[in-house]
Each structure stands twice: as C-alpha cells, then as structure tokens.
Amino acid sequence: MECVRCKRTFLKEDRIISISGSIMGDEHTDTFLLCPVCQVYTIGSCWDNFTGGDETVSSRGPFEKAQGDYRVELIKKCERPWDKKCRCEAHPEYFNDTLD
C-alpha cells in the first residue's frame, strides 16, 4: 500500500494500529498508516465478505495528522481492537453504531 498523498510505499513500521468490526456479517478492518514523509494518515480498509463474495481492499485519505491521531487514540481505548465481536466503548463509536 502507498501513501495517498505522496505515493511513498509504506513499510511495516509505518503501520500504527488496526481495528476490526462485524457489519452485516462481514468483517471490516481499518489499518492506520502514518507517512513519515508528509505526516498524513492513509487508512487501508479490508472487507471480508462472508456471504460468498470476494474480499476487497481499498485505501482512503489523506487524513491530517490531528484527525488521524484522534481516531488512533479512540482505537487505543480498546484492549482487543482485532476482535470484530468486541463491544467496548471504542468499537461502536469508531464504526458509528453499525456493528452487528
């Protein structure tokens, strides 16, 4: 994946945090990547379709650092951000109350 602003290819260490949630039976995972060159976030989104469709991966952004930092801090409130069934305070807020 690459930065949506400067097109630099992300390295493993550019990955900041991920969060997963179950929406209408599908697993949705967002991964936050911070570009060290232009200091903006790119969000890599993966939809794993459990109804027989293909998995899709896309990227969104750029998100200014302050906006991305806010979302990262929200995700950090969860002890299990990888758990798509988690219903801590952070998960519903992050996914706008759209979780199964």
C-alpha atoms as a PDB file:
ATOM      1  CA  MET A   1       0.000   0.000   0.000  1.00  0.00           C
ATOM      2  CA  GLU A   2       1.158   3.545  -0.585  1.00  0.00           C
ATOM      3  CA  CYS A   3       0.547   6.989   0.877  1.00  0.00           C
ATOM      4  CA  VAL A   4      -2.419   8.566  -0.858  1.00  0.00           C
ATOM      5  CA  ARG A   5      -0.680  11.965  -0.842  1.00  0.00           C
ATOM      6  CA  CYS A   6       2.969  11.386  -1.805  1.00  0.00           C
ATOM      7  CA  LYS A   7       2.717   7.806  -3.171  1.00  0.00           C
ATOM      8  CA  ARG A   8       5.532   6.519  -0.946  1.00  0.00           C
ATOM      9  CA  THR A   9       5.264   2.771  -0.376  1.00  0.00           C
ATOM     10  CA  PHE A  10       4.522   2.041   3.273  1.00  0.00           C
ATOM     11  CA  LEU A  11       6.913  -0.047   5.320  1.00  0.00           C
ATOM     12  CA  LYS A  12       5.870  -2.390   8.119  1.00  0.00           C
ATOM     13  CA  GLU A  13       6.874   0.173  10.742  1.00  0.00           C
ATOM     14  CA  ASP A  14       4.518   2.785   9.231  1.00  0.00           C
ATOM     15  CA  ARG A  15       1.527   0.769  10.466  1.00  0.00           C
ATOM     16  CA  ILE A  16       0.139   2.421  13.582  1.00  0.00           C
ATOM     17  CA  ILE A  17      -2.968   0.428  14.589  1.00  0.00           C
ATOM     18  CA  SER A  18      -5.889  -1.614  13.236  1.00  0.00           C
ATOM     19  CA  ILE A  19      -9.482  -2.200  14.311  1.00  0.00           C
ATOM     20  CA  SER A  20     -11.988  -4.838  13.168  1.00  0.00           C
ATOM     21  CA  GLY A  21     -15.764  -4.963  13.377  1.00  0.00           C
ATOM     22  CA  SER A  22     -18.586  -7.156  12.124  1.00  0.00           C
ATOM     23  CA  ILE A  23     -21.056  -5.283   9.911  1.00  0.00           C
ATOM     24  CA  MET A  24     -23.973  -7.218   8.416  1.00  0.00           C
ATOM     25  CA  GLY A  25     -21.978 -10.434   8.867  1.00  0.00           C
ATOM     26  CA  ASP A  26     -18.908  -9.131   7.055  1.00  0.00           C
ATOM     27  CA  GLU A  27     -15.623  -8.367   8.769  1.00  0.00           C
ATOM     28  CA  HIS A  28     -14.385  -4.832   8.218  1.00  0.00           C
ATOM     29  CA  THR A  29     -10.816  -3.953   9.241  1.00  0.00           C
ATOM     30  CA  ASP A  30      -9.252  -0.496   9.078  1.00  0.00           C
ATOM     31  CA  THR A  31      -5.486  -0.105   9.369  1.00  0.00           C
ATOM     32  CA  PHE A  32      -3.985   3.312  10.050  1.00  0.00           C
ATOM     33  CA  LEU A  33      -0.673   4.069   8.357  1.00  0.00           C
ATOM     34  CA  LEU A  34       1.228   7.295   9.010  1.00  0.00           C
ATOM     35  CA  CYS A  35       3.519   8.554   6.278  1.00  0.00           C
ATOM     36  CA  PRO A  36       6.835   9.724   7.781  1.00  0.00           C
ATOM     37  CA  VAL A  37       7.452  11.937   4.736  1.00  0.00           C
ATOM     38  CA  CYS A  38       4.258  14.023   4.524  1.00  0.00           C
ATOM     39  CA  GLN A  39       2.820  13.292   8.002  1.00  0.00           C
ATOM     40  CA  VAL A  40      -0.676  12.310   6.870  1.00  0.00           C
ATOM     41  CA  TYR A  41      -2.615   9.133   7.519  1.00  0.00           C
ATOM     42  CA  THR A  42      -3.802   6.679   4.930  1.00  0.00           C
ATOM     43  CA  ILE A  43      -6.416   4.163   6.055  1.00  0.00           C
ATOM     44  CA  GLY A  44      -6.298   0.742   4.460  1.00  0.00           C
ATOM     45  CA  SER A  45      -9.745  -0.881   4.580  1.00  0.00           C
ATOM     46  CA  CYS A  46     -10.399  -4.573   4.129  1.00  0.00           C
ATOM     47  CA  TRP A  47     -13.907  -6.044   3.733  1.00  0.00           C
ATOM     48  CA  ASP A  48     -14.018  -9.807   4.174  1.00  0.00           C
ATOM     49  CA  ASN A  49     -17.374 -10.840   2.721  1.00  0.00           C
ATOM     50  CA  PHE A  50     -18.733 -13.935   4.485  1.00  0.00           C
ATOM     51  CA  THR A  51     -21.696 -14.345   2.101  1.00  0.00           C
ATOM     52  CA  GLY A  52     -19.638 -15.757  -0.728  1.00  0.00           C
ATOM     53  CA  GLY A  53     -18.230 -12.580  -2.229  1.00  0.00           C
ATOM     54  CA  ASP A  54     -14.613 -11.632  -2.654  1.00  0.00           C
ATOM     55  CA  GLU A  55     -12.520  -9.811  -0.106  1.00  0.00           C
ATOM     56  CA  THR A  56     -11.916  -6.190  -1.105  1.00  0.00           C
ATOM     57  CA  VAL A  57      -9.095  -3.898  -0.071  1.00  0.00           C
ATOM     58  CA  SER A  58      -9.108  -0.146  -0.580  1.00  0.00           C
ATOM     59  CA  SER A  59      -7.406   2.951   0.779  1.00  0.00           C
ATOM     60  CA  ARG A  60      -8.793   6.270   1.984  1.00  0.00           C
ATOM     61  CA  GLY A  61      -7.267   9.603   2.778  1.00  0.00           C
ATOM     62  CA  PRO A  62      -5.223  11.614   3.179  1.00  0.00           C
ATOM     63  CA  PHE A  63      -6.242  12.421   6.732  1.00  0.00           C
ATOM     64  CA  GLU A  64      -4.414  15.213   8.503  1.00  0.00           C
ATOM     65  CA  LYS A  65      -2.340  14.083  11.471  1.00  0.00           C
ATOM     66  CA  ALA A  66      -4.654  15.596  14.114  1.00  0.00           C
ATOM     67  CA  GLN A  67      -7.695  13.839  12.661  1.00  0.00           C
ATOM     68  CA  GLY A  68      -5.858  10.518  12.377  1.00  0.00           C
ATOM     69  CA  ASP A  69      -4.365  10.858  15.865  1.00  0.00           C
ATOM     70  CA  TYR A  70      -7.877  11.317  17.290  1.00  0.00           C
ATOM     71  CA  ARG A  71      -9.057   8.063  15.684  1.00  0.00           C
ATOM     72  CA  VAL A  72      -5.890   6.210  16.767  1.00  0.00           C
ATOM     73  CA  GLU A  73      -6.427   7.306  20.379  1.00  0.00           C
ATOM     74  CA  LEU A  74     -10.044   6.117  20.191  1.00  0.00           C
ATOM     75  CA  ILE A  75      -8.906   2.681  18.988  1.00  0.00           C
ATOM     76  CA  LYS A  76      -6.265   2.509  21.742  1.00  0.00           C
ATOM     77  CA  LYS A  77      -9.074   2.609  24.326  1.00  0.00           C
ATOM     78  CA  CYS A  78      -9.908  -0.974  23.309  1.00  0.00           C
ATOM     79  CA  GLU A  79      -7.952  -3.891  24.750  1.00  0.00           C
ATOM     80  CA  ARG A  80      -8.883  -6.101  21.754  1.00  0.00           C
ATOM     81  CA  PRO A  81      -9.176  -3.912  18.630  1.00  0.00           C
ATOM     82  CA  TRP A  82      -8.683  -7.005  16.410  1.00  0.00           C
ATOM     83  CA  ASP A  83     -11.809  -8.666  17.903  1.00  0.00           C
ATOM     84  CA  LYS A  84     -14.679  -7.989  15.499  1.00  0.00           C
ATOM     85  CA  LYS A  85     -17.184  -9.004  18.200  1.00  0.00           C
ATOM     86  CA  CYS A  86     -15.852  -6.601  20.841  1.00  0.00           C
ATOM     87  CA  ARG A  87     -18.420  -4.072  22.035  1.00  0.00           C
ATOM     88  CA  CYS A  88     -16.270  -1.866  24.224  1.00  0.00           C
ATOM     89  CA  GLU A  89     -16.844   1.874  24.189  1.00  0.00           C
ATOM     90  CA  ALA A  90     -14.422   2.393  21.279  1.00  0.00           C
ATOM     91  CA  HIS A  91     -15.823  -0.141  18.780  1.00  0.00           C
ATOM     92  CA  PRO A  92     -19.377   1.223  18.403  1.00  0.00           C
ATOM     93  CA  GLU A  93     -18.089   4.795  18.330  1.00  0.00           C
ATOM     94  CA  TYR A  94     -15.487   4.011  15.674  1.00  0.00           C
ATOM     95  CA  PHE A  95     -17.992   2.135  13.496  1.00  0.00           C
ATOM     96  CA  ASN A  96     -20.789   4.703  14.018  1.00  0.00           C
ATOM     97  CA  ASP A  97     -23.070   2.190  15.780  1.00  0.00           C
ATOM     98  CA  THR A  98     -23.292  -0.027  12.665  1.00  0.00           C
ATOM     99  CA  LEU A  99     -21.931  -3.240  14.228  1.00  0.00           C
ATOM    100  CA  ASP A 100     -23.934  -6.482  14.256  1.00  0.00           C
END
